[in-house]
Amino acid sequence: MGSTLTTSSQMSCPHAGTVNAMSSNTVVDAGDTVLRSTDTFTISNCTFTLPGPKPSPCLKVQWLIGDVKVSVAGSPALSTDSLGLCLSGDMIPQGMVNITSTQTRVSST
């Protein structure tokens, strides 16, 4: 299993849009709030456009697989092994979340 994702982890959509995490969790590890699959993840600055051209930016993340070993407050925590799907405003899948950096002190191994 991978490193635990926290509020300081950096993630993006396949089109380099920035993933922003908003957590109601109060559990802190490695100095930051641990992210859960039930938290809210929005995406900003995605420039994806369909042919036409019709803007179709990634706007949110739906987590398909959380951490299988760690849960926080009854919800699966997220790690670098978790799978998140980026969705457009029409809920059309746009690709998987890219996790570009996270803390390395806490993992679910």
PDB file of N, CA and C in Angstrom:
ATOM      1  N   MET A   1       0.835  -1.173   0.000  1.00  0.00           N
ATOM      2  CA  MET A   1       0.000   0.000   0.000  1.00  0.00           C
ATOM      3  C   MET A   1       0.883   1.241   0.000  1.00  0.00           C
ATOM      4  N   GLY A   2       0.312   2.365  -0.344  1.00  0.00           N
ATOM      5  CA  GLY A   2       1.115   3.556  -0.557  1.00  0.00           C
ATOM      6  C   GLY A   2       1.090   4.557   0.571  1.00  0.00           C
ATOM      7  N   SER A   3       1.710   5.691   0.310  1.00  0.00           N
ATOM      8  CA  SER A   3       1.770   6.784   1.272  1.00  0.00           C
ATOM      9  C   SER A   3       0.390   7.415   1.427  1.00  0.00           C
ATOM     10  N   THR A   4       0.050   7.791   2.648  1.00  0.00           N
ATOM     11  CA  THR A   4      -1.238   8.389   2.961  1.00  0.00           C
ATOM     12  C   THR A   4      -1.351   9.784   2.358  1.00  0.00           C
ATOM     13  N   LEU A   5      -2.520  10.073   1.757  1.00  0.00           N
ATOM     14  CA  LEU A   5      -2.765  11.412   1.217  1.00  0.00           C
ATOM     15  C   LEU A   5      -3.281  12.331   2.313  1.00  0.00           C
ATOM     16  N   THR A   6      -2.766  13.552   2.323  1.00  0.00           N
ATOM     17  CA  THR A   6      -3.179  14.561   3.295  1.00  0.00           C
ATOM     18  C   THR A   6      -3.556  15.836   2.543  1.00  0.00           C
ATOM     19  N   THR A   7      -3.982  16.837   3.297  1.00  0.00           N
ATOM     20  CA  THR A   7      -4.369  18.097   2.674  1.00  0.00           C
ATOM     21  C   THR A   7      -3.204  18.808   1.998  1.00  0.00           C
ATOM     22  N   SER A   8      -1.981  18.405   2.251  1.00  0.00           N
ATOM     23  CA  SER A   8      -0.840  19.023   1.563  1.00  0.00           C
ATOM     24  C   SER A   8      -0.401  18.216   0.332  1.00  0.00           C
ATOM     25  N   SER A   9      -1.054  17.089   0.068  1.00  0.00           N
ATOM     26  CA  SER A   9      -0.740  16.302  -1.132  1.00  0.00           C
ATOM     27  C   SER A   9      -1.121  17.100  -2.371  1.00  0.00           C
ATOM     28  N   GLN A  10      -0.346  16.923  -3.428  1.00  0.00           N
ATOM     29  CA  GLN A  10      -0.633  17.611  -4.684  1.00  0.00           C
ATOM     30  C   GLN A  10      -1.141  16.611  -5.710  1.00  0.00           C
ATOM     31  N   MET A  11      -2.290  16.966  -6.324  1.00  0.00           N
ATOM     32  CA  MET A  11      -2.924  16.105  -7.307  1.00  0.00           C
ATOM     33  C   MET A  11      -3.398  16.949  -8.474  1.00  0.00           C
ATOM     34  N   SER A  12      -3.550  16.295  -9.638  1.00  0.00           N
ATOM     35  CA  SER A  12      -4.053  17.005 -10.816  1.00  0.00           C
ATOM     36  C   SER A  12      -4.915  16.074 -11.648  1.00  0.00           C
ATOM     37  N   CYS A  13      -5.690  16.686 -12.552  1.00  0.00           N
ATOM     38  CA  CYS A  13      -6.456  15.906 -13.516  1.00  0.00           C
ATOM     39  C   CYS A  13      -5.532  15.574 -14.689  1.00  0.00           C
ATOM     40  N   PRO A  14      -5.962  14.749 -15.640  1.00  0.00           N
ATOM     41  CA  PRO A  14      -5.097  14.398 -16.769  1.00  0.00           C
ATOM     42  C   PRO A  14      -4.725  15.580 -17.661  1.00  0.00           C
ATOM     43  N   HIS A  15      -5.428  16.718 -17.483  1.00  0.00           N
ATOM     44  CA  HIS A  15      -5.191  17.899 -18.321  1.00  0.00           C
ATOM     45  C   HIS A  15      -4.479  19.001 -17.539  1.00  0.00           C
ATOM     46  N   ALA A  16      -3.857  18.633 -16.430  1.00  0.00           N
ATOM     47  CA  ALA A  16      -3.060  19.513 -15.561  1.00  0.00           C
ATOM     48  C   ALA A  16      -3.884  20.474 -14.726  1.00  0.00           C
ATOM     49  N   GLY A  17      -5.189  20.234 -14.576  1.00  0.00           N
ATOM     50  CA  GLY A  17      -5.998  21.021 -13.653  1.00  0.00           C
ATOM     51  C   GLY A  17      -5.646  20.652 -12.223  1.00  0.00           C
ATOM     52  N   THR A  18      -5.794  21.575 -11.307  1.00  0.00           N
ATOM     53  CA  THR A  18      -5.415  21.375  -9.907  1.00  0.00           C
ATOM     54  C   THR A  18      -6.561  20.782  -9.106  1.00  0.00           C
ATOM     55  N   VAL A  19      -6.282  19.696  -8.375  1.00  0.00           N
ATOM     56  CA  VAL A  19      -7.276  19.083  -7.494  1.00  0.00           C
ATOM     57  C   VAL A  19      -7.165  19.748  -6.127  1.00  0.00           C
ATOM     58  N   ASN A  20      -8.312  20.228  -5.635  1.00  0.00           N
ATOM     59  CA  ASN A  20      -8.388  20.879  -4.325  1.00  0.00           C
ATOM     60  C   ASN A  20      -9.221  20.016  -3.395  1.00  0.00           C
ATOM     61  N   ALA A  21      -8.659  19.650  -2.240  1.00  0.00           N
ATOM     62  CA  ALA A  21      -9.352  18.784  -1.288  1.00  0.00           C
ATOM     63  C   ALA A  21      -9.930  19.602  -0.144  1.00  0.00           C
ATOM     64  N   MET A  22     -11.192  19.325   0.197  1.00  0.00           N
ATOM     65  CA  MET A  22     -11.844  19.934   1.345  1.00  0.00           C
ATOM     66  C   MET A  22     -12.296  18.807   2.260  1.00  0.00           C
ATOM     67  N   SER A  23     -11.719  18.756   3.445  1.00  0.00           N
ATOM     68  CA  SER A  23     -11.998  17.653   4.354  1.00  0.00           C
ATOM     69  C   SER A  23     -12.684  18.137   5.624  1.00  0.00           C
ATOM     70  N   SER A  24     -13.637  17.352   6.097  1.00  0.00           N
ATOM     71  CA  SER A  24     -14.262  17.614   7.391  1.00  0.00           C
ATOM     72  C   SER A  24     -13.605  16.756   8.471  1.00  0.00           C
ATOM     73  N   ASN A  25     -12.610  15.998   8.089  1.00  0.00           N
ATOM     74  CA  ASN A  25     -11.877  15.116   8.991  1.00  0.00           C
ATOM     75  C   ASN A  25     -11.052  15.937   9.973  1.00  0.00           C
ATOM     76  N   THR A  26     -10.940  15.461  11.198  1.00  0.00           N
ATOM     77  CA  THR A  26     -10.112  16.142  12.192  1.00  0.00           C
ATOM     78  C   THR A  26      -8.886  15.316  12.583  1.00  0.00           C
ATOM     79  N   VAL A  27      -8.725  14.131  11.986  1.00  0.00           N
ATOM     80  CA  VAL A  27      -7.568  13.293  12.285  1.00  0.00           C
ATOM     81  C   VAL A  27      -6.365  13.813  11.508  1.00  0.00           C
ATOM     82  N   VAL A  28      -5.271  14.030  12.240  1.00  0.00           N
ATOM     83  CA  VAL A  28      -4.072  14.588  11.638  1.00  0.00           C
ATOM     84  C   VAL A  28      -2.945  13.567  11.712  1.00  0.00           C
ATOM     85  N   ASP A  29      -2.237  13.415  10.591  1.00  0.00           N
ATOM     86  CA  ASP A  29      -1.044  12.576  10.519  1.00  0.00           C
ATOM     87  C   ASP A  29       0.005  13.358   9.758  1.00  0.00           C
ATOM     88  N   ALA A  30       1.230  13.262  10.162  1.00  0.00           N
ATOM     89  CA  ALA A  30       2.335  13.928   9.479  1.00  0.00           C
ATOM     90  C   ALA A  30       2.109  15.434   9.389  1.00  0.00           C
ATOM     91  N   GLY A  31       1.357  16.003  10.355  1.00  0.00           N
ATOM     92  CA  GLY A  31       1.160  17.448  10.405  1.00  0.00           C
ATOM     93  C   GLY A  31       0.017  17.979   9.564  1.00  0.00           C
ATOM     94  N   ASP A  32      -0.676  17.126   8.810  1.00  0.00           N
ATOM     95  CA  ASP A  32      -1.772  17.560   7.952  1.00  0.00           C
ATOM     96  C   ASP A  32      -2.979  16.648   8.142  1.00  0.00           C
ATOM     97  N   THR A  33      -4.137  17.113   7.697  1.00  0.00           N
ATOM     98  CA  THR A  33      -5.363  16.335   7.790  1.00  0.00           C
ATOM     99  C   THR A  33      -5.332  15.184   6.784  1.00  0.00           C
ATOM    100  N   VAL A  34      -5.663  13.992   7.251  1.00  0.00           N
ATOM    101  CA  VAL A  34      -5.713  12.808   6.393  1.00  0.00           C
ATOM    102  C   VAL A  34      -6.954  12.891   5.513  1.00  0.00           C
ATOM    103  N   LEU A  35      -6.786  12.626   4.220  1.00  0.00           N
ATOM    104  CA  LEU A  35      -7.903  12.667   3.280  1.00  0.00           C
ATOM    105  C   LEU A  35      -8.624  11.335   3.228  1.00  0.00           C
ATOM    106  N   ARG A  36      -9.957  11.414   3.063  1.00  0.00           N
ATOM    107  CA  ARG A  36     -10.803  10.230   2.984  1.00  0.00           C
ATOM    108  C   ARG A  36     -11.561  10.219   1.668  1.00  0.00           C
ATOM    109  N   SER A  37     -12.035   9.066   1.276  1.00  0.00           N
ATOM    110  CA  SER A  37     -12.775   8.950   0.019  1.00  0.00           C
ATOM    111  C   SER A  37     -14.078   9.728   0.054  1.00  0.00           C
ATOM    112  N   THR A  38     -14.590  10.042   1.228  1.00  0.00           N
ATOM    113  CA  THR A  38     -15.852  10.773   1.362  1.00  0.00           C
ATOM    114  C   THR A  38     -15.660  12.288   1.385  1.00  0.00           C
ATOM    115  N   ASP A  39     -14.428  12.766   1.368  1.00  0.00           N
ATOM    116  CA  ASP A  39     -14.167  14.208   1.339  1.00  0.00           C
ATOM    117  C   ASP A  39     -14.547  14.779  -0.029  1.00  0.00           C
ATOM    118  N   THR A  40     -14.582  16.086  -0.131  1.00  0.00           N
ATOM    119  CA  THR A  40     -14.932  16.765  -1.378  1.00  0.00           C
ATOM    120  C   THR A  40     -13.664  17.168  -2.120  1.00  0.00           C
ATOM    121  N   PHE A  41     -13.596  16.813  -3.392  1.00  0.00           N
ATOM    122  CA  PHE A  41     -12.444  17.122  -4.233  1.00  0.00           C
ATOM    123  C   PHE A  41     -12.931  17.856  -5.479  1.00  0.00           C
ATOM    124  N   THR A  42     -12.539  19.123  -5.616  1.00  0.00           N
ATOM    125  CA  THR A  42     -12.901  19.902  -6.797  1.00  0.00           C
ATOM    126  C   THR A  42     -11.655  20.120  -7.647  1.00  0.00           C
ATOM    127  N   ILE A  43     -11.869  20.450  -8.908  1.00  0.00           N
ATOM    128  CA  ILE A  43     -10.759  20.654  -9.836  1.00  0.00           C
ATOM    129  C   ILE A  43     -10.885  22.043 -10.451  1.00  0.00           C
ATOM    130  N   SER A  44      -9.785  22.771 -10.456  1.00  0.00           N
ATOM    131  CA  SER A  44      -9.765  24.100 -11.061  1.00  0.00           C
ATOM    132  C   SER A  44      -8.691  24.156 -12.150  1.00  0.00           C
ATOM    133  N   ASN A  45      -8.880  25.058 -13.084  1.00  0.00           N
ATOM    134  CA  ASN A  45      -7.916  25.329 -14.163  1.00  0.00           C
ATOM    135  C   ASN A  45      -7.716  24.184 -15.145  1.00  0.00           C
ATOM    136  N   CYS A  46      -8.715  23.319 -15.310  1.00  0.00           N
ATOM    137  CA  CYS A  46      -8.652  22.286 -16.349  1.00  0.00           C
ATOM    138  C   CYS A  46      -9.065  22.935 -17.666  1.00  0.00           C
ATOM    139  N   THR A  47      -8.283  22.726 -18.692  1.00  0.00           N
ATOM    140  CA  THR A  47      -8.539  23.368 -19.983  1.00  0.00           C
ATOM    141  C   THR A  47      -9.061  22.402 -21.053  1.00  0.00           C
ATOM    142  N   PHE A  48      -9.506  21.212 -20.653  1.00  0.00           N
ATOM    143  CA  PHE A  48      -9.943  20.225 -21.635  1.00  0.00           C
ATOM    144  C   PHE A  48     -11.125  20.749 -22.447  1.00  0.00           C
ATOM    145  N   THR A  49     -11.069  20.551 -23.760  1.00  0.00           N
ATOM    146  CA  THR A  49     -12.113  20.989 -24.681  1.00  0.00           C
ATOM    147  C   THR A  49     -12.461  19.850 -25.638  1.00  0.00           C
ATOM    148  N   LEU A  50     -13.744  19.623 -25.820  1.00  0.00           N
ATOM    149  CA  LEU A  50     -14.217  18.640 -26.795  1.00  0.00           C
ATOM    150  C   LEU A  50     -14.157  19.252 -28.194  1.00  0.00           C
ATOM    151  N   PRO A  51     -14.182  18.424 -29.234  1.00  0.00           N
ATOM    152  CA  PRO A  51     -14.218  18.975 -30.593  1.00  0.00           C
ATOM    153  C   PRO A  51     -15.440  19.877 -30.755  1.00  0.00           C
ATOM    154  N   GLY A  52     -15.286  20.940 -31.452  1.00  0.00           N
ATOM    155  CA  GLY A  52     -16.402  21.831 -31.693  1.00  0.00           C
ATOM    156  C   GLY A  52     -16.081  23.300 -31.632  1.00  0.00           C
ATOM    157  N   PRO A  53     -15.328  23.884 -30.857  1.00  0.00           N
ATOM    158  CA  PRO A  53     -14.815  23.399 -29.559  1.00  0.00           C
ATOM    159  C   PRO A  53     -15.811  23.669 -28.431  1.00  0.00           C
ATOM    160  N   LYS A  54     -16.012  22.676 -27.605  1.00  0.00           N
ATOM    161  CA  LYS A  54     -16.911  22.804 -26.462  1.00  0.00           C
ATOM    162  C   LYS A  54     -16.096  22.578 -25.192  1.00  0.00           C
ATOM    163  N   PRO A  55     -16.008  23.584 -24.328  1.00  0.00           N
ATOM    164  CA  PRO A  55     -15.284  23.375 -23.063  1.00  0.00           C
ATOM    165  C   PRO A  55     -15.906  22.229 -22.268  1.00  0.00           C
ATOM    166  N   SER A  56     -15.074  21.356 -21.755  1.00  0.00           N
ATOM    167  CA  SER A  56     -15.531  20.231 -20.945  1.00  0.00           C
ATOM    168  C   SER A  56     -14.510  19.957 -19.847  1.00  0.00           C
ATOM    169  N   PRO A  57     -14.279  20.953 -18.986  1.00  0.00           N
ATOM    170  CA  PRO A  57     -13.238  20.788 -17.973  1.00  0.00           C
ATOM    171  C   PRO A  57     -13.599  19.756 -16.907  1.00  0.00           C
ATOM    172  N   CYS A  58     -12.572  19.145 -16.345  1.00  0.00           N
ATOM    173  CA  CYS A  58     -12.751  18.294 -15.174  1.00  0.00           C
ATOM    174  C   CYS A  58     -13.156  19.215 -14.020  1.00  0.00           C
ATOM    175  N   LEU A  59     -14.173  18.807 -13.242  1.00  0.00           N
ATOM    176  CA  LEU A  59     -14.651  19.652 -12.146  1.00  0.00           C
ATOM    177  C   LEU A  59     -14.620  18.983 -10.783  1.00  0.00           C
ATOM    178  N   LYS A  60     -14.661  17.653 -10.737  1.00  0.00           N
ATOM    179  CA  LYS A  60     -14.651  16.981  -9.439  1.00  0.00           C
ATOM    180  C   LYS A  60     -14.016  15.609  -9.554  1.00  0.00           C
ATOM    181  N   VAL A  61     -13.706  15.029  -8.403  1.00  0.00           N
ATOM    182  CA  VAL A  61     -13.104  13.698  -8.336  1.00  0.00           C
ATOM    183  C   VAL A  61     -14.042  12.762  -7.593  1.00  0.00           C
ATOM    184  N   GLN A  62     -14.240  11.593  -8.162  1.00  0.00           N
ATOM    185  CA  GLN A  62     -14.967  10.517  -7.491  1.00  0.00           C
ATOM    186  C   GLN A  62     -13.949   9.407  -7.237  1.00  0.00           C
ATOM    187  N   TRP A  63     -13.760   9.035  -5.988  1.00  0.00           N
ATOM    188  CA  TRP A  63     -12.782   8.000  -5.647  1.00  0.00           C
ATOM    189  C   TRP A  63     -13.419   6.628  -5.814  1.00  0.00           C
ATOM    190  N   LEU A  64     -12.793   5.791  -6.623  1.00  0.00           N
ATOM    191  CA  LEU A  64     -13.293   4.450  -6.900  1.00  0.00           C
ATOM    192  C   LEU A  64     -12.740   3.431  -5.915  1.00  0.00           C
ATOM    193  N   ILE A  65     -11.482   3.623  -5.526  1.00  0.00           N
ATOM    194  CA  ILE A  65     -10.822   2.709  -4.598  1.00  0.00           C
ATOM    195  C   ILE A  65     -10.064   3.522  -3.564  1.00  0.00           C
ATOM    196  N   GLY A  66     -10.423   3.329  -2.297  1.00  0.00           N
ATOM    197  CA  GLY A  66      -9.702   3.954  -1.199  1.00  0.00           C
ATOM    198  C   GLY A  66      -8.636   3.009  -0.677  1.00  0.00           C
ATOM    199  N   ASP A  67      -8.016   3.391   0.403  1.00  0.00           N
ATOM    200  CA  ASP A  67      -7.007   2.540   1.032  1.00  0.00           C
ATOM    201  C   ASP A  67      -7.708   1.332   1.634  1.00  0.00           C
ATOM    202  N   VAL A  68      -7.233   0.136   1.353  1.00  0.00           N
ATOM    203  CA  VAL A  68      -7.896  -1.075   1.835  1.00  0.00           C
ATOM    204  C   VAL A  68      -7.524  -1.423   3.277  1.00  0.00           C
ATOM    205  N   LYS A  69      -6.483  -0.797   3.823  1.00  0.00           N
ATOM    206  CA  LYS A  69      -6.044  -1.123   5.175  1.00  0.00           C
ATOM    207  C   LYS A  69      -6.366  -0.061   6.215  1.00  0.00           C
ATOM    208  N   VAL A  70      -6.561   1.198   5.791  1.00  0.00           N
ATOM    209  CA  VAL A  70      -6.715   2.291   6.745  1.00  0.00           C
ATOM    210  C   VAL A  70      -8.049   2.994   6.540  1.00  0.00           C
ATOM    211  N   SER A  71      -8.769   3.187   7.650  1.00  0.00           N
ATOM    212  CA  SER A  71      -9.980   4.010   7.598  1.00  0.00           C
ATOM    213  C   SER A  71      -9.886   5.057   8.699  1.00  0.00           C
ATOM    214  N   VAL A  72     -10.545   6.176   8.453  1.00  0.00           N
ATOM    215  CA  VAL A  72     -10.559   7.287   9.404  1.00  0.00           C
ATOM    216  C   VAL A  72     -12.009   7.696   9.609  1.00  0.00           C
ATOM    217  N   ALA A  73     -12.451   7.669  10.856  1.00  0.00           N
ATOM    218  CA  ALA A  73     -13.835   8.036  11.192  1.00  0.00           C
ATOM    219  C   ALA A  73     -14.835   7.247  10.346  1.00  0.00           C
ATOM    220  N   GLY A  74     -14.548   5.972  10.106  1.00  0.00           N
ATOM    221  CA  GLY A  74     -15.461   5.093   9.405  1.00  0.00           C
ATOM    222  C   GLY A  74     -15.419   5.143   7.881  1.00  0.00           C
ATOM    223  N   SER A  75     -14.548   5.972   7.315  1.00  0.00           N
ATOM    224  CA  SER A  75     -14.430   6.074   5.858  1.00  0.00           C
ATOM    225  C   SER A  75     -13.020   5.686   5.436  1.00  0.00           C
ATOM    226  N   PRO A  76     -12.887   5.044   4.264  1.00  0.00           N
ATOM    227  CA  PRO A  76     -11.542   4.686   3.804  1.00  0.00           C
ATOM    228  C   PRO A  76     -10.656   5.922   3.640  1.00  0.00           C
ATOM    229  N   ALA A  77      -9.445   5.819   4.158  1.00  0.00           N
ATOM    230  CA  ALA A  77      -8.461   6.876   3.915  1.00  0.00           C
ATOM    231  C   ALA A  77      -8.000   6.748   2.466  1.00  0.00           C
ATOM    232  N   LEU A  78      -7.255   7.732   1.991  1.00  0.00           N
ATOM    233  CA  LEU A  78      -6.719   7.685   0.637  1.00  0.00           C
ATOM    234  C   LEU A  78      -5.206   7.567   0.693  1.00  0.00           C
ATOM    235  N   SER A  79      -4.639   6.857  -0.272  1.00  0.00           N
ATOM    236  CA  SER A  79      -3.189   6.706  -0.367  1.00  0.00           C
ATOM    237  C   SER A  79      -2.784   6.820  -1.832  1.00  0.00           C
ATOM    238  N   THR A  80      -1.502   6.740  -2.077  1.00  0.00           N
ATOM    239  CA  THR A  80      -1.017   6.811  -3.452  1.00  0.00           C
ATOM    240  C   THR A  80      -1.482   5.619  -4.282  1.00  0.00           C
ATOM    241  N   ASP A  81      -1.994   4.583  -3.652  1.00  0.00           N
ATOM    242  CA  ASP A  81      -2.546   3.437  -4.363  1.00  0.00           C
ATOM    243  C   ASP A  81      -4.041   3.566  -4.646  1.00  0.00           C
ATOM    244  N   SER A  82      -4.685   4.625  -4.146  1.00  0.00           N
ATOM    245  CA  SER A  82      -6.109   4.842  -4.373  1.00  0.00           C
ATOM    246  C   SER A  82      -6.352   5.281  -5.809  1.00  0.00           C
ATOM    247  N   LEU A  83      -7.557   5.005  -6.315  1.00  0.00           N
ATOM    248  CA  LEU A  83      -7.915   5.390  -7.681  1.00  0.00           C
ATOM    249  C   LEU A  83      -9.062   6.388  -7.657  1.00  0.00           C
ATOM    250  N   GLY A  84      -8.815   7.560  -8.240  1.00  0.00           N
ATOM    251  CA  GLY A  84      -9.830   8.598  -8.322  1.00  0.00           C
ATOM    252  C   GLY A  84     -10.117   8.935  -9.776  1.00  0.00           C
ATOM    253  N   LEU A  85     -11.375   9.104 -10.117  1.00  0.00           N
ATOM    254  CA  LEU A  85     -11.807   9.408 -11.473  1.00  0.00           C
ATOM    255  C   LEU A  85     -12.213  10.880 -11.560  1.00  0.00           C
ATOM    256  N   CYS A  86     -11.649  11.598 -12.510  1.00  0.00           N
ATOM    257  CA  CYS A  86     -11.998  12.998 -12.745  1.00  0.00           C
ATOM    258  C   CYS A  86     -13.256  13.046 -13.602  1.00  0.00           C
ATOM    259  N   LEU A  87     -14.207  13.906 -13.214  1.00  0.00           N
ATOM    260  CA  LEU A  87     -15.480  14.006 -13.908  1.00  0.00           C
ATOM    261  C   LEU A  87     -15.732  15.428 -14.388  1.00  0.00           C
ATOM    262  N   SER A  88     -16.407  15.539 -15.540  1.00  0.00           N
ATOM    263  CA  SER A  88     -16.812  16.848 -16.054  1.00  0.00           C
ATOM    264  C   SER A  88     -18.088  17.286 -15.343  1.00  0.00           C
ATOM    265  N   GLY A  89     -18.567  18.474 -15.668  1.00  0.00           N
ATOM    266  CA  GLY A  89     -19.817  18.964 -15.098  1.00  0.00           C
ATOM    267  C   GLY A  89     -21.008  18.106 -15.471  1.00  0.00           C
ATOM    268  N   ASP A  90     -20.918  17.393 -16.606  1.00  0.00           N
ATOM    269  CA  ASP A  90     -21.968  16.471 -17.048  1.00  0.00           C
ATOM    270  C   ASP A  90     -21.763  15.067 -16.496  1.00  0.00           C
ATOM    271  N   MET A  91     -20.821  14.929 -15.544  1.00  0.00           N
ATOM    272  CA  MET A  91     -20.478  13.649 -14.914  1.00  0.00           C
ATOM    273  C   MET A  91     -19.883  12.653 -15.894  1.00  0.00           C
ATOM    274  N   ILE A  92     -19.213  13.160 -16.937  1.00  0.00           N
ATOM    275  CA  ILE A  92     -18.547  12.301 -17.918  1.00  0.00           C
ATOM    276  C   ILE A  92     -17.123  12.028 -17.437  1.00  0.00           C
ATOM    277  N   PRO A  93     -16.709  10.761 -17.354  1.00  0.00           N
ATOM    278  CA  PRO A  93     -15.340  10.444 -16.936  1.00  0.00           C
ATOM    279  C   PRO A  93     -14.320  11.054 -17.896  1.00  0.00           C
ATOM    280  N   GLN A  94     -13.296  11.709 -17.323  1.00  0.00           N
ATOM    281  CA  GLN A  94     -12.275  12.386 -18.115  1.00  0.00           C
ATOM    282  C   GLN A  94     -10.892  11.750 -17.957  1.00  0.00           C
ATOM    283  N   GLY A  95     -10.747  10.823 -17.037  1.00  0.00           N
ATOM    284  CA  GLY A  95      -9.460  10.191 -16.773  1.00  0.00           C
ATOM    285  C   GLY A  95      -9.189  10.097 -15.285  1.00  0.00           C
ATOM    286  N   MET A  96      -8.068   9.499 -14.947  1.00  0.00           N
ATOM    287  CA  MET A  96      -7.718   9.256 -13.546  1.00  0.00           C
ATOM    288  C   MET A  96      -6.940  10.424 -12.945  1.00  0.00           C
ATOM    289  N   VAL A  97      -7.057  10.572 -11.630  1.00  0.00           N
ATOM    290  CA  VAL A  97      -6.312  11.579 -10.885  1.00  0.00           C
ATOM    291  C   VAL A  97      -4.820  11.243 -10.926  1.00  0.00           C
ATOM    292  N   ASN A  98      -3.982  12.257 -11.093  1.00  0.00           N
ATOM    293  CA  ASN A  98      -2.530  12.103 -10.985  1.00  0.00           C
ATOM    294  C   ASN A  98      -2.114  12.615  -9.614  1.00  0.00           C
ATOM    295  N   ILE A  99      -1.484  11.761  -8.821  1.00  0.00           N
ATOM    296  CA  ILE A  99      -0.963  12.162  -7.520  1.00  0.00           C
ATOM    297  C   ILE A  99       0.501  12.501  -7.743  1.00  0.00           C
ATOM    298  N   THR A 100       0.836  13.790  -7.625  1.00  0.00           N
ATOM    299  CA  THR A 100       2.186  14.229  -7.972  1.00  0.00           C
ATOM    300  C   THR A 100       3.118  14.330  -6.774  1.00  0.00           C
ATOM    301  N   SER A 101       2.573  14.561  -5.581  1.00  0.00           N
ATOM    302  CA  SER A 101       3.428  14.548  -4.387  1.00  0.00           C
ATOM    303  C   SER A 101       2.575  14.358  -3.149  1.00  0.00           C
ATOM    304  N   THR A 102       3.175  13.762  -2.140  1.00  0.00           N
ATOM    305  CA  THR A 102       2.512  13.559  -0.858  1.00  0.00           C
ATOM    306  C   THR A 102       3.594  13.389   0.204  1.00  0.00           C
ATOM    307  N   GLN A 103       3.161  13.360   1.435  1.00  0.00           N
ATOM    308  CA  GLN A 103       4.103  13.114   2.525  1.00  0.00           C
ATOM    309  C   GLN A 103       4.570  11.659   2.450  1.00  0.00           C
ATOM    310  N   THR A 104       5.696  11.347   3.026  1.00  0.00           N
ATOM    311  CA  THR A 104       6.232   9.981   2.949  1.00  0.00           C
ATOM    312  C   THR A 104       6.414   9.341   4.317  1.00  0.00           C
ATOM    313  N   ARG A 105       6.016  10.048   5.371  1.00  0.00           N
ATOM    314  CA  ARG A 105       6.233   9.510   6.716  1.00  0.00           C
ATOM    315  C   ARG A 105       5.178   8.497   7.141  1.00  0.00           C
ATOM    316  N   VAL A 106       3.957   8.599   6.595  1.00  0.00           N
ATOM    317  CA  VAL A 106       2.884   7.704   7.002  1.00  0.00           C
ATOM    318  C   VAL A 106       2.407   6.926   5.786  1.00  0.00           C
ATOM    319  N   SER A 107       2.369   5.590   5.937  1.00  0.00           N
ATOM    320  CA  SER A 107       1.864   4.759   4.851  1.00  0.00           C
ATOM    321  C   SER A 107       1.017   3.653   5.434  1.00  0.00           C
ATOM    322  N   SER A 108       0.330   2.941   4.577  1.00  0.00           N
ATOM    323  CA  SER A 108      -0.536   1.868   5.011  1.00  0.00           C
ATOM    324  C   SER A 108       0.082   0.498   4.790  1.00  0.00           C
ATOM    325  N   THR A 109       1.397   0.432   4.747  1.00  0.00           N
ATOM    326  CA  THR A 109       2.053  -0.853   4.556  1.00  0.00           C
ATOM    327  C   THR A 109       2.155  -1.613   5.839  1.00  0.00           C
TER     328      THR A 109
END
